[in-house]
Amino acid sequence: MIVELIWSEITKNENGFPVEQYHSIQAYGKEKSATRSEVYEAMRAGVDVKTVLEVRQEDWEQTRHLVDGKPEYARKVKLSGCEYRIVRGYKKGKATIELTCE
């Protein structure tokens, strides 16, 4: 399925004032179920896990941008018309990134 990875950057407008600018790319994602232990651990931390997605590492790297000199990646994902916040992303295998979303 096609998902949309979304991130924002703070830039300055023509008058020098900060403006939030949104960016997005489309990527192929595979929806997975969150495991029982993952859901309970997240609940203890106050996070309500809605879905888990697997995306290709190449697509994930396209969202890379610098914030205060440190690399950042997409913070939101749009899936089937719904927008989710990415709470955790980690490398799974050699070519995929698993995103836990709320």
N, C-alpha and C. Protein backbone atom coordinates (compact mmCIF):
# COMPACT_ATOMS: atom_id res chain seq x y z
N MET A 1 0.83 -1.17 0.00
CA MET A 1 0.00 0.00 0.00
C MET A 1 0.88 1.24 0.00
N ILE A 2 0.33 2.32 -0.52
CA ILE A 2 1.08 3.57 -0.60
C ILE A 2 0.78 4.39 0.66
N VAL A 3 1.84 4.86 1.32
CA VAL A 3 1.72 5.72 2.49
C VAL A 3 2.43 7.04 2.18
N GLU A 4 2.13 8.06 2.95
CA GLU A 4 2.76 9.36 2.77
C GLU A 4 3.55 9.69 4.04
N LEU A 5 4.85 9.86 3.92
CA LEU A 5 5.71 10.24 5.04
C LEU A 5 5.78 11.76 5.07
N ILE A 6 5.51 12.35 6.24
CA ILE A 6 5.38 13.80 6.37
C ILE A 6 6.36 14.33 7.42
N TRP A 7 6.99 15.46 7.11
CA TRP A 7 7.85 16.14 8.07
C TRP A 7 7.77 17.64 7.83
N SER A 8 8.26 18.41 8.79
CA SER A 8 8.23 19.86 8.63
C SER A 8 9.58 20.44 9.02
N GLU A 9 9.86 21.61 8.46
CA GLU A 9 11.09 22.34 8.76
C GLU A 9 10.71 23.79 9.04
N ILE A 10 11.46 24.42 9.93
CA ILE A 10 11.27 25.83 10.20
C ILE A 10 12.22 26.60 9.29
N THR A 11 11.65 27.43 8.43
CA THR A 11 12.44 28.28 7.54
C THR A 11 12.05 29.73 7.79
N LYS A 12 12.71 30.63 7.14
CA LYS A 12 12.38 32.05 7.29
C LYS A 12 11.72 32.55 6.01
N ASN A 13 10.70 33.39 6.18
CA ASN A 13 10.04 33.97 5.01
C ASN A 13 10.82 35.18 4.51
N GLU A 14 10.27 35.88 3.53
CA GLU A 14 11.00 37.01 2.93
C GLU A 14 11.24 38.16 3.91
N ASN A 15 10.47 38.19 5.02
CA ASN A 15 10.65 39.24 6.04
C ASN A 15 11.52 38.78 7.20
N GLY A 16 12.01 37.54 7.14
CA GLY A 16 12.88 37.02 8.19
C GLY A 16 12.17 36.36 9.35
N PHE A 17 10.86 36.18 9.24
CA PHE A 17 10.10 35.54 10.31
C PHE A 17 10.08 34.02 10.10
N PRO A 18 10.12 33.26 11.20
CA PRO A 18 10.09 31.80 11.05
C PRO A 18 8.73 31.30 10.55
N VAL A 19 8.79 30.36 9.63
CA VAL A 19 7.59 29.77 9.03
C VAL A 19 7.80 28.26 8.99
N GLU A 20 6.76 27.52 9.36
CA GLU A 20 6.84 26.05 9.30
C GLU A 20 6.47 25.62 7.89
N GLN A 21 7.36 24.85 7.27
CA GLN A 21 7.16 24.39 5.89
C GLN A 21 7.04 22.87 5.91
N TYR A 22 5.94 22.35 5.35
CA TYR A 22 5.69 20.91 5.35
C TYR A 22 6.20 20.27 4.07
N HIS A 23 6.73 19.05 4.21
CA HIS A 23 7.22 18.26 3.08
C HIS A 23 6.63 16.86 3.21
N SER A 24 6.50 16.17 2.09
CA SER A 24 6.03 14.78 2.15
C SER A 24 6.51 14.03 0.92
N ILE A 25 6.62 12.73 1.08
CA ILE A 25 6.91 11.85 -0.05
C ILE A 25 6.00 10.64 0.06
N GLN A 26 5.74 10.01 -1.06
CA GLN A 26 4.97 8.78 -1.05
C GLN A 26 5.94 7.61 -1.04
N ALA A 27 5.57 6.58 -0.30
CA ALA A 27 6.42 5.40 -0.17
C ALA A 27 5.53 4.17 -0.09
N TYR A 28 6.13 3.03 -0.38
CA TYR A 28 5.41 1.77 -0.23
C TYR A 28 5.55 1.33 1.22
N GLY A 29 4.44 0.99 1.85
CA GLY A 29 4.46 0.54 3.24
C GLY A 29 3.66 -0.73 3.40
N LYS A 30 4.07 -1.53 4.35
CA LYS A 30 3.37 -2.78 4.66
C LYS A 30 2.86 -2.66 6.09
N GLU A 31 1.54 -2.74 6.26
CA GLU A 31 0.96 -2.60 7.59
C GLU A 31 1.08 -3.93 8.34
N LYS A 32 1.46 -3.82 9.60
CA LYS A 32 1.61 -4.99 10.45
C LYS A 32 0.82 -4.78 11.74
N SER A 33 0.60 -5.84 12.48
CA SER A 33 -0.05 -5.71 13.78
C SER A 33 1.01 -5.49 14.84
N ALA A 34 0.65 -4.71 15.82
CA ALA A 34 1.54 -4.53 16.97
C ALA A 34 1.42 -5.77 17.85
N THR A 35 2.54 -6.23 18.38
CA THR A 35 2.51 -7.40 19.25
C THR A 35 1.90 -7.03 20.60
N ARG A 36 1.43 -8.01 21.30
CA ARG A 36 0.80 -7.78 22.60
C ARG A 36 1.77 -7.10 23.55
N SER A 37 3.00 -7.59 23.62
CA SER A 37 3.97 -7.00 24.54
C SER A 37 4.30 -5.56 24.15
N GLU A 38 4.34 -5.28 22.84
CA GLU A 38 4.61 -3.93 22.35
C GLU A 38 3.49 -2.98 22.78
N VAL A 39 2.25 -3.42 22.67
CA VAL A 39 1.10 -2.60 23.05
C VAL A 39 1.12 -2.32 24.55
N TYR A 40 1.38 -3.34 25.38
CA TYR A 40 1.39 -3.14 26.83
C TYR A 40 2.54 -2.25 27.28
N GLU A 41 3.70 -2.41 26.69
CA GLU A 41 4.84 -1.54 27.03
C GLU A 41 4.54 -0.10 26.65
N ALA A 42 3.91 0.09 25.50
CA ALA A 42 3.56 1.44 25.05
C ALA A 42 2.53 2.06 25.98
N MET A 43 1.55 1.27 26.42
CA MET A 43 0.53 1.79 27.34
C MET A 43 1.16 2.25 28.65
N ARG A 44 2.15 1.52 29.13
CA ARG A 44 2.84 1.94 30.36
C ARG A 44 3.53 3.28 30.18
N ALA A 45 3.98 3.54 28.96
CA ALA A 45 4.67 4.80 28.68
C ALA A 45 3.69 5.91 28.27
N GLY A 46 2.39 5.60 28.24
CA GLY A 46 1.39 6.60 27.89
C GLY A 46 1.18 6.77 26.40
N VAL A 47 1.57 5.77 25.61
CA VAL A 47 1.44 5.83 24.16
C VAL A 47 0.36 4.84 23.72
N ASP A 48 -0.53 5.27 22.84
CA ASP A 48 -1.59 4.41 22.33
C ASP A 48 -1.22 3.96 20.92
N VAL A 49 -0.63 2.78 20.79
CA VAL A 49 -0.18 2.28 19.48
C VAL A 49 -1.39 1.95 18.62
N LYS A 50 -1.46 2.59 17.44
CA LYS A 50 -2.56 2.34 16.51
C LYS A 50 -2.17 1.36 15.41
N THR A 51 -0.95 1.52 14.89
CA THR A 51 -0.51 0.67 13.80
C THR A 51 1.00 0.60 13.75
N VAL A 52 1.50 -0.43 13.08
CA VAL A 52 2.93 -0.59 12.84
C VAL A 52 3.11 -0.73 11.33
N LEU A 53 4.04 0.03 10.78
CA LEU A 53 4.29 0.01 9.34
C LEU A 53 5.73 -0.37 9.07
N GLU A 54 5.93 -1.05 7.97
CA GLU A 54 7.28 -1.36 7.51
C GLU A 54 7.48 -0.61 6.20
N VAL A 55 8.54 0.21 6.13
CA VAL A 55 8.85 0.95 4.90
C VAL A 55 10.28 0.64 4.49
N ARG A 56 10.57 0.85 3.21
CA ARG A 56 11.93 0.60 2.72
C ARG A 56 12.87 1.66 3.27
N GLN A 57 14.08 1.27 3.56
CA GLN A 57 15.07 2.19 4.11
C GLN A 57 15.35 3.35 3.16
N GLU A 58 15.35 3.07 1.85
CA GLU A 58 15.61 4.13 0.87
C GLU A 58 14.55 5.23 0.95
N ASP A 59 13.29 4.84 1.12
CA ASP A 59 12.22 5.82 1.25
C ASP A 59 12.36 6.62 2.55
N TRP A 60 12.69 5.94 3.62
CA TRP A 60 12.86 6.58 4.93
C TRP A 60 14.00 7.60 4.88
N GLU A 61 15.09 7.26 4.23
CA GLU A 61 16.24 8.16 4.14
C GLU A 61 15.92 9.42 3.35
N GLN A 62 14.94 9.38 2.45
CA GLN A 62 14.56 10.57 1.70
C GLN A 62 13.93 11.64 2.59
N THR A 63 13.45 11.25 3.78
CA THR A 63 12.85 12.22 4.69
C THR A 63 13.90 12.85 5.61
N ARG A 64 15.14 12.45 5.50
CA ARG A 64 16.20 12.94 6.38
C ARG A 64 16.44 14.43 6.15
N HIS A 65 16.49 15.18 7.25
CA HIS A 65 16.79 16.60 7.20
C HIS A 65 17.49 16.98 8.51
N LEU A 66 18.14 18.12 8.55
CA LEU A 66 18.88 18.55 9.72
C LEU A 66 18.09 19.56 10.53
N VAL A 67 18.08 19.36 11.85
CA VAL A 67 17.49 20.31 12.79
C VAL A 67 18.55 20.60 13.83
N ASP A 68 19.01 21.85 13.87
CA ASP A 68 20.09 22.25 14.77
C ASP A 68 21.32 21.38 14.58
N GLY A 69 21.61 21.00 13.35
CA GLY A 69 22.79 20.21 13.03
C GLY A 69 22.66 18.72 13.28
N LYS A 70 21.49 18.26 13.74
CA LYS A 70 21.28 16.84 14.00
C LYS A 70 20.28 16.28 13.00
N PRO A 71 20.50 15.03 12.54
CA PRO A 71 19.57 14.45 11.57
C PRO A 71 18.22 14.12 12.20
N GLU A 72 17.16 14.44 11.47
CA GLU A 72 15.78 14.13 11.86
C GLU A 72 15.12 13.44 10.67
N TYR A 73 14.03 12.74 10.94
CA TYR A 73 13.29 12.04 9.89
C TYR A 73 11.81 12.40 10.00
N ALA A 74 10.99 11.80 9.15
CA ALA A 74 9.55 12.08 9.15
C ALA A 74 8.97 11.88 10.54
N ARG A 75 7.98 12.70 10.88
CA ARG A 75 7.32 12.63 12.17
C ARG A 75 5.88 12.13 12.09
N LYS A 76 5.32 12.15 10.87
CA LYS A 76 3.94 11.71 10.68
C LYS A 76 3.86 10.82 9.45
N VAL A 77 2.80 10.03 9.42
CA VAL A 77 2.54 9.19 8.25
C VAL A 77 1.04 9.24 7.97
N LYS A 78 0.69 9.32 6.69
CA LYS A 78 -0.71 9.33 6.30
C LYS A 78 -0.99 7.99 5.62
N LEU A 79 -2.01 7.31 6.13
CA LEU A 79 -2.33 5.97 5.68
C LEU A 79 -3.85 5.85 5.56
N SER A 80 -4.35 5.53 4.39
CA SER A 80 -5.79 5.37 4.15
C SER A 80 -6.59 6.58 4.61
N GLY A 81 -6.07 7.78 4.37
CA GLY A 81 -6.78 9.00 4.72
C GLY A 81 -6.63 9.44 6.16
N CYS A 82 -5.98 8.64 7.01
CA CYS A 82 -5.78 8.99 8.41
C CYS A 82 -4.31 9.36 8.65
N GLU A 83 -4.10 10.35 9.50
CA GLU A 83 -2.74 10.77 9.81
C GLU A 83 -2.35 10.25 11.19
N TYR A 84 -1.18 9.64 11.28
CA TYR A 84 -0.67 9.09 12.53
C TYR A 84 0.66 9.73 12.88
N ARG A 85 0.95 9.83 14.16
CA ARG A 85 2.24 10.34 14.62
C ARG A 85 3.18 9.16 14.79
N ILE A 86 4.39 9.30 14.26
CA ILE A 86 5.40 8.24 14.40
C ILE A 86 6.05 8.40 15.76
N VAL A 87 5.93 7.38 16.61
CA VAL A 87 6.51 7.47 17.95
C VAL A 87 7.84 6.73 18.04
N ARG A 88 8.07 5.81 17.10
CA ARG A 88 9.32 5.06 17.14
C ARG A 88 9.62 4.49 15.77
N GLY A 89 10.86 4.57 15.38
CA GLY A 89 11.30 3.96 14.13
C GLY A 89 12.61 3.24 14.37
N TYR A 90 12.71 2.02 13.90
CA TYR A 90 13.97 1.31 14.05
C TYR A 90 14.20 0.39 12.87
N LYS A 91 15.47 0.14 12.63
CA LYS A 91 15.88 -0.68 11.49
C LYS A 91 15.56 -2.15 11.78
N LYS A 92 14.94 -2.77 10.81
CA LYS A 92 14.61 -4.19 10.95
C LYS A 92 15.15 -4.89 9.72
N GLY A 93 16.19 -5.65 9.90
CA GLY A 93 16.82 -6.29 8.76
C GLY A 93 17.72 -5.31 8.04
N LYS A 94 18.07 -5.65 6.80
CA LYS A 94 19.00 -4.82 6.05
C LYS A 94 18.33 -3.72 5.26
N ALA A 95 17.07 -3.89 4.90
CA ALA A 95 16.46 -2.95 3.96
C ALA A 95 15.16 -2.33 4.42
N THR A 96 14.71 -2.60 5.65
CA THR A 96 13.42 -2.06 6.08
C THR A 96 13.52 -1.34 7.41
N ILE A 97 12.63 -0.38 7.58
CA ILE A 97 12.49 0.37 8.82
C ILE A 97 11.08 0.10 9.34
N GLU A 98 10.96 -0.21 10.62
CA GLU A 98 9.65 -0.45 11.21
C GLU A 98 9.24 0.79 11.99
N LEU A 99 8.05 1.32 11.68
CA LEU A 99 7.54 2.54 12.31
C LEU A 99 6.36 2.20 13.19
N THR A 100 6.45 2.57 14.47
CA THR A 100 5.34 2.39 15.39
C THR A 100 4.61 3.73 15.45
N CYS A 101 3.29 3.70 15.22
CA CYS A 101 2.52 4.93 15.09
C CYS A 101 1.36 4.98 16.08
N GLU A 102 1.05 6.21 16.53
CA GLU A 102 -0.14 6.42 17.37
C GLU A 102 -1.04 7.43 16.73
